[in-house]
Amino acid sequence: MAKTGKKIKKKDPAAVERSKRNMKIVTSQTCAACKQQCQRGLTYLEKMSKPGAIGFGVPCILTRGK
């Protein structure tokens, strides 16, 4: 007799954590040129538009690893 049911794979929590760490850090110039501007990027752009602001970039959700 053959089995008819399919096995459902569970997501590995370690794999999810690895994909979070694979996001690239982008600068405000990259966020300004982005076609799909996210809320995090827009907030960072607003922060960096103030005189004397120092920024180290923001993780971009669009460059997330799989």
C-alpha atoms as a PDB file:
ATOM      1  CA  MET A   1       0.000   0.000   0.000  1.00  0.00           C
ATOM      2  CA  ALA A   2       1.264   3.409  -0.921  1.00  0.00           C
ATOM      3  CA  LYS A   3       0.955   6.397   1.336  1.00  0.00           C
ATOM      4  CA  THR A   4      -1.294   9.124  -0.029  1.00  0.00           C
ATOM      5  CA  GLY A   5      -0.668  11.906   2.483  1.00  0.00           C
ATOM      6  CA  LYS A   6       1.969  14.535   2.013  1.00  0.00           C
ATOM      7  CA  LYS A   7       4.422  15.471   4.706  1.00  0.00           C
ATOM      8  CA  ILE A   8       4.355  19.107   5.739  1.00  0.00           C
ATOM      9  CA  LYS A   9       7.766  20.583   6.444  1.00  0.00           C
ATOM     10  CA  LYS A  10       8.024  22.814   9.481  1.00  0.00           C
ATOM     11  CA  LYS A  11      10.050  25.994   9.205  1.00  0.00           C
ATOM     12  CA  ASP A  12      13.333  25.789  11.014  1.00  0.00           C
ATOM     13  CA  PRO A  13      13.647  28.684  13.524  1.00  0.00           C
ATOM     14  CA  ALA A  14      17.371  28.888  12.798  1.00  0.00           C
ATOM     15  CA  ALA A  15      16.675  29.384   9.071  1.00  0.00           C
ATOM     16  CA  VAL A  16      14.286  32.239   9.815  1.00  0.00           C
ATOM     17  CA  GLU A  17      16.908  33.905  12.021  1.00  0.00           C
ATOM     18  CA  ARG A  18      19.558  33.564   9.292  1.00  0.00           C
ATOM     19  CA  SER A  19      17.340  35.332   6.761  1.00  0.00           C
ATOM     20  CA  LYS A  20      16.822  38.247   9.160  1.00  0.00           C
ATOM     21  CA  ARG A  21      20.568  38.693   9.449  1.00  0.00           C
ATOM     22  CA  ASN A  22      20.984  38.778   5.670  1.00  0.00           C
ATOM     23  CA  MET A  23      19.302  42.153   5.148  1.00  0.00           C
ATOM     24  CA  LYS A  24      21.630  44.737   3.657  1.00  0.00           C
ATOM     25  CA  ILE A  25      22.247  48.047   5.406  1.00  0.00           C
ATOM     26  CA  VAL A  26      21.350  50.888   3.040  1.00  0.00           C
ATOM     27  CA  THR A  27      21.925  54.626   3.265  1.00  0.00           C
ATOM     28  CA  SER A  28      19.458  57.468   2.854  1.00  0.00           C
ATOM     29  CA  GLN A  29      20.440  57.937  -0.818  1.00  0.00           C
ATOM     30  CA  THR A  30      19.382  54.359  -1.544  1.00  0.00           C
ATOM     31  CA  CYS A  31      16.076  54.853   0.303  1.00  0.00           C
ATOM     32  CA  ALA A  32      15.389  58.034  -1.655  1.00  0.00           C
ATOM     33  CA  ALA A  33      15.957  56.258  -4.986  1.00  0.00           C
ATOM     34  CA  CYS A  34      13.933  53.168  -4.055  1.00  0.00           C
ATOM     35  CA  LYS A  35      10.774  52.493  -6.075  1.00  0.00           C
ATOM     36  CA  GLN A  36       9.044  50.669  -3.185  1.00  0.00           C
ATOM     37  CA  GLN A  37       9.649  52.956  -0.230  1.00  0.00           C
ATOM     38  CA  CYS A  38       8.860  51.300   3.086  1.00  0.00           C
ATOM     39  CA  GLN A  39       7.896  52.975   6.348  1.00  0.00           C
ATOM     40  CA  ARG A  40      11.282  52.275   7.923  1.00  0.00           C
ATOM     41  CA  GLY A  41      13.083  53.903   4.998  1.00  0.00           C
ATOM     42  CA  LEU A  42      10.809  56.945   4.982  1.00  0.00           C
ATOM     43  CA  THR A  43      11.364  57.467   8.710  1.00  0.00           C
ATOM     44  CA  TYR A  44      15.119  57.200   8.176  1.00  0.00           C
ATOM     45  CA  LEU A  45      14.959  59.705   5.294  1.00  0.00           C
ATOM     46  CA  GLU A  46      13.097  62.163   7.495  1.00  0.00           C
ATOM     47  CA  LYS A  47      15.652  61.729  10.290  1.00  0.00           C
ATOM     48  CA  MET A  48      18.601  62.191   7.936  1.00  0.00           C
ATOM     49  CA  SER A  49      17.140  65.318   6.306  1.00  0.00           C
ATOM     50  CA  LYS A  50      17.703  67.306   9.507  1.00  0.00           C
ATOM     51  CA  PRO A  51      20.978  69.292   9.661  1.00  0.00           C
ATOM     52  CA  GLY A  52      23.753  67.596  11.616  1.00  0.00           C
ATOM     53  CA  ALA A  53      22.136  64.159  11.567  1.00  0.00           C
ATOM     54  CA  ILE A  54      24.470  61.182  11.782  1.00  0.00           C
ATOM     55  CA  GLY A  55      23.250  57.859  10.478  1.00  0.00           C
ATOM     56  CA  PHE A  56      24.683  54.420   9.974  1.00  0.00           C
ATOM     57  CA  GLY A  57      22.060  53.112   7.563  1.00  0.00           C
ATOM     58  CA  VAL A  58      18.947  51.051   7.995  1.00  0.00           C
ATOM     59  CA  PRO A  59      18.280  47.339   7.224  1.00  0.00           C
ATOM     60  CA  CYS A  60      16.390  47.080   3.939  1.00  0.00           C
ATOM     61  CA  ILE A  61      13.507  44.597   3.950  1.00  0.00           C
ATOM     62  CA  LEU A  62      13.687  44.341   0.155  1.00  0.00           C
ATOM     63  CA  THR A  63      17.214  42.889   0.273  1.00  0.00           C
ATOM     64  CA  ARG A  64      16.312  40.123   2.716  1.00  0.00           C
ATOM     65  CA  GLY A  65      17.935  36.728   2.211  1.00  0.00           C
ATOM     66  CA  LYS A  66      15.935  33.551   1.721  1.00  0.00           C
END
